[in-house]
Amino acid sequence: MDMAIRAEGLHKRHRDVVAIADIHLGVRTGTVLGLLGPNGAGKTTTVQILTTLTTPDGGHAEVAGYDVVRQPHEVRRRIGLAGQYTAVDEVLTGRENLVLLGTLLHLGRREARRRADELLERFRLADAAHRPARAYSGGMRRRLDLASCLITAPPVLFLDEPTTGLDPVSRMELWGQVRELVDGGTTVLLTTQYLEEADYLADQIVVVDSGRVIADGTPDELKRKVGSEWLELTVASPADVTPALAALRPALTAEPTVDTQKGRLSIPLDDGLNDIATVAAVLRRADIPVADFTMRRPTLDDVFAHLTGHPTP
C-alpha cells in the first residue's frame, strides 16, 4: 500500500545516550499513526529525524517519497509540524501570523492573504482574526498553530503532543479538526500523552520503549493482546469481599483482582454472558449483595501498562 512515511532501522545517539536503537514504522497515506511510549522512549527524536530537524546515525527514512537525509528540502516542502508549544508571534494578530508565514513560504502576498482567510474560517478563528495572538485562549492558540502548519497544504502533518495543557473541550475540538484533515487525505503522525486521544484518532499505533518498537497494530489489535473483557463488581460492604472471593473461586477459571478498600472485584470473562450468569448465581446463593457492576473492555491505558511496565504517561 502507498506509504506516506516509512522508517527502517533508525538509530540515534546523543553522546553516550542511545535515543533510539531500532525504529521501524510505516504510515499509510491518509491515515493517522499514534506514536506512544513513556518519557524518554524516543518519540521526539523519531519525529525530529522524520522532519529533518536532526539526522540519524543509521537507518533509512522517507517522507512523502523523499529521503530525509539526502533530500531534506523536498521533505520540508511537503510537511507541517506542530510541536508541544505554540509557535505563534503573540504581538501579531492571528491573520498577520498566517499572512507573514505564507509570504515567507513564497505564496505571494495575495495568495498568502487568501490562504490565511481560508484557514481562519476553517479553524473558527475568523471573528478573532484581528486580535493579537496574546489575547487568544490556549485552545485558540493551538488552532492558530495548527493552521500555520497548513499554510502550504502539506500532505503530511506531524503533531508532537498537540493538545498538551488544553481543557477537555478544546482538546475535543482539535481532535475533530484533525479528523477533518485526515478525511481530506492528509497523513498524520501523532505523539500524545493522552491515550484516549490516540484511541480516538489513530488508525494504527506504534508503542516504543527504550528506543525500540515493542508493539504495532490497530487500537483494537493491541487491546486484544491484554486480554478479554472483565466484570467489575462492587459488593455492598467491604466486609463481603472475603466471602465473595471464597464463593467465586471454585466457579472461575482465573483469579479475580481485588480492591479490598473499595469492595471491588475484577473478574476476567472468558465466556462472556455465561461467566456473568455464573457470577450472579454464585453470589445469590451465598447471599452476598452487590452494590454495582459493569463490564469493562481493555483500554489503551491497560495496553500501555502491560507492554511497557510503566503507568500511563
Protein backbone atom coordinates (compact mmCIF):
# COMPACT_ATOMS: atom_id res chain seq x y z
CA MET A 1 0.00 0.00 0.00
CA ASP A 2 1.06 3.63 -0.54
CA MET A 3 3.18 4.73 2.42
CA ALA A 4 3.46 8.43 3.23
CA ILE A 5 6.05 7.77 5.96
CA ARG A 6 8.47 4.87 6.08
CA ALA A 7 11.34 4.27 8.51
CA GLU A 8 13.65 1.28 8.69
CA GLY A 9 16.23 0.64 11.38
CA LEU A 10 16.60 4.24 12.56
CA HIS A 11 19.08 4.75 15.37
CA LYS A 12 20.49 7.85 17.03
CA ARG A 13 22.86 8.55 19.93
CA HIS A 14 23.24 11.76 21.90
CA ARG A 15 26.79 11.45 23.23
CA ASP A 16 26.67 8.37 25.46
CA VAL A 17 22.88 8.09 25.48
CA VAL A 18 21.03 5.91 22.96
CA ALA A 19 17.99 7.97 21.97
CA ILE A 20 16.58 5.41 19.54
CA ALA A 21 18.06 1.99 18.79
CA ASP A 22 15.99 0.36 16.04
CA ILE A 23 12.85 2.15 14.87
CA HIS A 24 10.74 0.65 12.09
CA LEU A 25 7.40 2.14 11.11
CA GLY A 26 5.16 2.80 8.14
CA VAL A 27 2.23 5.19 7.84
CA ARG A 28 -0.28 4.68 5.05
CA THR A 29 -1.34 7.76 3.10
CA GLY A 30 -4.47 9.39 4.52
CA THR A 31 -4.26 7.73 7.95
CA VAL A 32 -3.18 8.61 11.50
CA LEU A 33 -0.34 6.82 13.25
CA GLY A 34 -0.17 7.27 17.02
CA LEU A 35 3.38 7.05 18.38
CA LEU A 36 3.21 6.19 22.08
CA GLY A 37 5.76 5.48 24.77
CA PRO A 38 6.95 6.57 28.21
CA ASN A 39 9.01 9.73 28.64
CA GLY A 40 12.45 9.25 27.14
CA ALA A 41 11.32 6.37 24.91
CA GLY A 42 12.47 8.08 21.71
CA LYS A 43 9.26 9.58 20.34
CA THR A 44 10.52 13.13 19.93
CA THR A 45 13.84 12.00 18.46
CA THR A 46 11.95 9.94 15.89
CA VAL A 47 9.82 12.95 14.94
CA GLN A 48 12.91 15.16 14.72
CA ILE A 49 14.54 12.74 12.28
CA LEU A 50 11.43 12.39 10.14
CA THR A 51 11.03 16.17 9.97
CA THR A 52 14.74 16.69 9.11
CA LEU A 53 15.48 18.57 12.35
CA THR A 54 18.22 16.06 13.12
CA THR A 55 19.97 13.32 11.16
CA PRO A 56 20.03 9.66 12.16
CA ASP A 57 23.26 7.82 12.87
CA GLY A 58 21.93 4.95 10.79
CA GLY A 59 18.88 3.52 9.12
CA HIS A 60 16.70 4.92 6.38
CA ALA A 61 13.55 7.04 6.30
CA GLU A 62 11.34 8.55 3.62
CA VAL A 63 8.55 11.08 3.96
CA ALA A 64 6.20 11.75 1.04
CA GLY A 65 8.55 9.66 -1.09
CA TYR A 66 11.73 11.63 -0.31
CA ASP A 67 14.76 10.60 1.70
CA VAL A 68 15.02 12.63 4.91
CA VAL A 69 18.84 12.72 4.75
CA ARG A 70 19.55 13.07 1.04
CA GLN A 71 16.51 15.21 0.13
CA PRO A 72 15.65 17.26 3.23
CA HIS A 73 14.44 20.31 1.27
CA GLU A 74 11.93 18.20 -0.66
CA VAL A 75 10.70 16.69 2.62
CA ARG A 76 10.27 20.12 4.25
CA ARG A 77 8.19 21.34 1.32
CA ARG A 78 5.69 18.56 1.97
CA ILE A 79 5.29 18.51 5.75
CA GLY A 80 3.80 20.54 8.56
CA LEU A 81 4.96 20.32 12.17
CA ALA A 82 3.15 21.37 15.33
CA GLY A 83 5.30 20.93 18.42
CA GLN A 84 4.41 20.73 22.08
CA TYR A 85 4.34 24.52 22.40
CA THR A 86 2.64 27.01 20.12
CA ALA A 87 4.94 28.82 17.71
CA VAL A 88 2.98 31.96 17.00
CA ASP A 89 4.03 35.58 17.37
CA GLU A 90 1.95 36.95 20.24
CA VAL A 91 2.30 40.56 19.12
CA LEU A 92 0.87 39.94 15.67
CA THR A 93 -2.81 39.27 15.07
CA GLY A 94 -3.96 35.82 14.07
CA ARG A 95 -4.32 36.92 10.45
CA GLU A 96 -0.94 38.67 10.44
CA ASN A 97 0.72 35.50 11.73
CA LEU A 98 -0.67 33.46 8.86
CA VAL A 99 -0.08 36.07 6.15
CA LEU A 100 3.53 36.57 7.27
CA LEU A 101 4.18 32.84 7.21
CA GLY A 102 2.58 32.45 3.81
CA THR A 103 4.72 35.28 2.44
CA LEU A 104 7.90 33.75 3.87
CA LEU A 105 6.94 30.46 2.20
CA HIS A 106 6.75 32.25 -1.18
CA LEU A 107 3.00 32.09 -1.68
CA GLY A 108 2.90 35.74 -2.71
CA ARG A 109 1.04 38.44 -0.80
CA ARG A 110 -2.33 37.92 -2.46
CA GLU A 111 -2.29 34.12 -2.12
CA ALA A 112 -0.97 34.40 1.44
CA ARG A 113 -3.91 36.63 2.40
CA ARG A 114 -6.40 34.34 0.65
CA ARG A 115 -4.98 31.26 2.35
CA ALA A 116 -4.91 32.98 5.75
CA ASP A 117 -8.59 33.92 5.50
CA GLU A 118 -9.48 30.40 4.40
CA LEU A 119 -7.69 28.81 7.36
CA LEU A 120 -9.05 31.32 9.88
CA GLU A 121 -12.55 30.41 8.74
CA ARG A 122 -11.80 26.70 8.78
CA PHE A 123 -10.46 26.77 12.34
CA ARG A 124 -13.21 29.06 13.63
CA LEU A 125 -10.84 31.97 14.23
CA ALA A 126 -12.33 34.46 11.75
CA ASP A 127 -14.02 36.52 14.49
CA ALA A 128 -10.67 36.84 16.28
CA ALA A 129 -8.57 37.35 13.15
CA HIS A 130 -7.65 40.94 14.00
CA ARG A 131 -6.92 40.38 17.68
CA PRO A 132 -3.29 39.94 18.82
CA ALA A 133 -2.42 36.31 19.47
CA ARG A 134 -1.54 37.10 23.09
CA ALA A 135 -5.27 37.67 23.69
CA TYR A 136 -6.16 34.18 22.44
CA SER A 137 -7.11 31.37 24.79
CA GLY A 138 -4.95 28.25 24.91
CA GLY A 139 -7.31 26.41 22.59
CA MET A 140 -7.38 29.29 20.11
CA ARG A 141 -3.58 29.46 20.06
CA ARG A 142 -3.41 25.73 19.39
CA ARG A 143 -5.84 26.11 16.49
CA LEU A 144 -3.80 29.01 15.11
CA ASP A 145 -0.64 26.94 15.46
CA LEU A 146 -2.25 24.07 13.56
CA ALA A 147 -3.49 26.48 10.89
CA SER A 148 0.05 27.83 10.46
CA CYS A 149 1.26 24.28 9.72
CA LEU A 150 -1.23 24.06 6.87
CA ILE A 151 -0.42 27.27 5.01
CA THR A 152 1.06 25.33 2.09
CA ALA A 153 -1.45 22.44 2.40
CA PRO A 154 1.22 19.84 3.15
CA PRO A 155 0.24 16.21 2.55
CA VAL A 156 1.98 15.02 5.74
CA LEU A 157 1.47 16.53 9.19
CA PHE A 158 3.46 15.82 12.38
CA LEU A 159 1.73 16.61 15.67
CA ASP A 160 4.01 16.30 18.70
CA GLU A 161 1.72 16.29 21.76
CA PRO A 162 -0.55 18.92 20.17
CA THR A 163 -3.15 19.11 22.95
CA THR A 164 -0.87 19.30 25.99
CA GLY A 165 -2.35 21.73 28.51
CA LEU A 166 -5.70 22.12 26.76
CA ASP A 167 -9.00 21.75 28.58
CA PRO A 168 -11.20 18.77 27.54
CA VAL A 169 -13.50 20.86 25.31
CA SER A 170 -10.60 22.47 23.41
CA ARG A 171 -8.93 19.07 23.09
CA MET A 172 -12.02 17.53 21.53
CA GLU A 173 -12.38 20.47 19.14
CA LEU A 174 -8.83 19.92 17.94
CA TRP A 175 -9.49 16.20 17.56
CA GLY A 176 -12.40 17.00 15.26
CA GLN A 177 -10.25 19.28 13.15
CA VAL A 178 -7.53 16.65 12.83
CA ARG A 179 -10.10 14.08 11.70
CA GLU A 180 -11.37 16.51 9.07
CA LEU A 181 -7.83 16.91 7.74
CA VAL A 182 -7.38 13.14 7.53
CA ASP A 183 -10.75 12.73 5.82
CA GLY A 184 -9.41 15.18 3.23
CA GLY A 185 -6.35 13.00 2.56
CA THR A 186 -3.75 14.37 4.97
CA THR A 187 -1.44 11.85 6.65
CA VAL A 188 -0.77 12.46 10.35
CA LEU A 189 1.87 11.16 12.73
CA LEU A 190 0.78 11.95 16.28
CA THR A 191 2.64 11.69 19.56
CA THR A 192 0.50 12.19 22.63
CA GLN A 193 0.36 11.79 26.40
CA TYR A 194 -3.39 11.23 26.26
CA LEU A 195 -4.15 7.62 25.39
CA GLU A 196 -7.82 8.37 24.79
CA GLU A 197 -6.58 10.80 22.13
CA ALA A 198 -4.68 8.04 20.35
CA ASP A 199 -7.67 5.72 20.73
CA TYR A 200 -9.96 8.29 19.11
CA LEU A 201 -7.68 9.49 16.31
CA ALA A 202 -5.23 6.75 15.39
CA ASP A 203 -5.80 4.13 12.70
CA GLN A 204 -2.56 2.46 13.77
CA ILE A 205 -0.47 2.65 16.94
CA VAL A 206 3.24 2.06 17.44
CA VAL A 207 4.48 1.74 21.02
CA VAL A 208 8.16 2.48 21.64
CA ASP A 209 10.21 1.90 24.77
CA SER A 210 13.95 2.35 25.29
CA GLY A 211 14.30 3.44 21.68
CA ARG A 212 12.73 0.33 20.16
CA VAL A 213 9.32 -0.57 18.76
CA ILE A 214 7.69 -3.05 21.16
CA ALA A 215 4.20 -3.19 19.63
CA ASP A 216 2.47 -2.22 16.39
CA GLY A 217 -1.17 -2.60 15.41
CA THR A 218 -4.61 -1.05 15.39
CA PRO A 219 -6.04 0.06 18.75
CA ASP A 220 -8.33 -2.99 18.81
CA GLU A 221 -5.49 -5.38 17.97
CA LEU A 222 -3.37 -4.03 20.81
CA LYS A 223 -6.26 -4.20 23.27
CA ARG A 224 -6.80 -7.86 22.42
CA LYS A 225 -3.21 -8.55 23.46
CA VAL A 226 -4.06 -7.51 27.01
CA GLY A 227 -6.90 -10.00 27.32
CA SER A 228 -10.64 -10.32 27.14
CA GLU A 229 -13.34 -8.28 28.81
CA TRP A 230 -13.85 -8.45 32.53
CA LEU A 231 -16.61 -7.85 35.02
CA GLU A 232 -16.09 -5.29 37.75
CA LEU A 233 -18.46 -5.64 40.68
CA THR A 234 -18.65 -3.84 44.00
CA VAL A 235 -20.12 -5.66 46.97
CA ALA A 236 -22.41 -3.79 49.34
CA SER A 237 -19.88 -3.87 52.21
CA PRO A 238 -16.07 -4.23 52.15
CA ALA A 239 -16.55 -6.98 54.74
CA ASP A 240 -18.25 -9.04 51.99
CA VAL A 241 -15.11 -9.15 49.82
CA THR A 242 -13.56 -12.20 51.51
CA PRO A 243 -16.72 -14.38 51.49
CA ALA A 244 -17.45 -13.28 47.88
CA LEU A 245 -13.97 -14.30 46.82
CA ALA A 246 -14.26 -17.65 48.61
CA ALA A 247 -17.60 -18.37 46.95
CA LEU A 248 -16.46 -17.37 43.46
CA ARG A 249 -13.05 -19.07 43.26
CA PRO A 250 -14.35 -22.62 42.66
CA ALA A 251 -16.56 -21.38 39.79
CA LEU A 252 -13.92 -19.29 37.96
CA THR A 253 -11.02 -20.26 35.72
CA ALA A 254 -8.99 -17.11 36.53
CA GLU A 255 -8.20 -15.40 39.82
CA PRO A 256 -10.13 -12.14 40.34
CA THR A 257 -8.28 -8.90 41.11
CA VAL A 258 -9.41 -7.48 44.44
CA ASP A 259 -9.57 -3.94 45.83
CA THR A 260 -10.50 -4.54 49.47
CA GLN A 261 -10.81 -0.84 50.36
CA LYS A 262 -13.40 -0.19 47.66
CA GLY A 263 -15.01 -3.62 47.97
CA ARG A 264 -14.41 -4.25 44.25
CA LEU A 265 -13.63 -7.49 42.42
CA SER A 266 -12.44 -7.56 38.79
CA ILE A 267 -13.23 -10.89 37.14
CA PRO A 268 -11.86 -11.89 33.69
CA LEU A 269 -14.61 -13.04 31.34
CA ASP A 270 -13.52 -15.99 29.24
CA ASP A 271 -17.06 -16.90 28.25
CA GLY A 272 -18.87 -13.56 28.22
CA LEU A 273 -22.51 -13.71 29.30
CA ASN A 274 -22.19 -17.26 30.63
CA ASP A 275 -19.49 -16.12 33.07
CA ILE A 276 -21.64 -13.19 34.15
CA ALA A 277 -24.58 -15.52 34.77
CA THR A 278 -22.33 -17.84 36.80
CA VAL A 279 -21.06 -14.99 38.97
CA ALA A 280 -24.59 -13.72 39.60
CA ALA A 281 -25.83 -17.18 40.56
CA VAL A 282 -22.92 -17.85 42.93
CA LEU A 283 -23.31 -14.53 44.74
CA ARG A 284 -27.07 -15.02 45.01
CA ARG A 285 -26.65 -18.47 46.57
CA ALA A 286 -24.07 -17.06 49.00
CA ASP A 287 -26.48 -14.21 49.86
CA ILE A 288 -23.85 -11.54 49.10
CA PRO A 289 -25.48 -8.28 47.96
CA VAL A 290 -23.90 -6.37 45.04
CA ALA A 291 -23.92 -2.56 45.05
CA ASP A 292 -22.70 -2.06 41.47
CA PHE A 293 -21.34 -3.94 38.48
CA THR A 294 -20.15 -3.17 34.98
CA MET A 295 -18.47 -4.87 32.05
CA ARG A 296 -15.13 -3.36 31.11
CA ARG A 297 -13.07 -3.70 27.96
CA PRO A 298 -9.28 -3.24 27.87
CA THR A 299 -8.23 0.34 27.19
CA LEU A 300 -5.04 1.76 25.74
CA ASP A 301 -4.06 2.58 29.33
CA ASP A 302 -4.14 -1.15 30.04
CA VAL A 303 -2.14 -1.81 26.85
CA PHE A 304 0.45 0.80 27.76
CA ALA A 305 0.96 -0.56 31.27
CA HIS A 306 1.00 -4.17 30.02
CA LEU A 307 3.59 -3.53 27.29
CA THR A 308 5.94 -1.07 28.99
CA GLY A 309 5.56 -1.83 32.68
CA HIS A 310 5.02 1.90 33.19
CA PRO A 311 1.85 3.68 34.32
CA THR A 312 0.18 5.76 31.63
CA PRO A 313 2.24 8.84 30.74
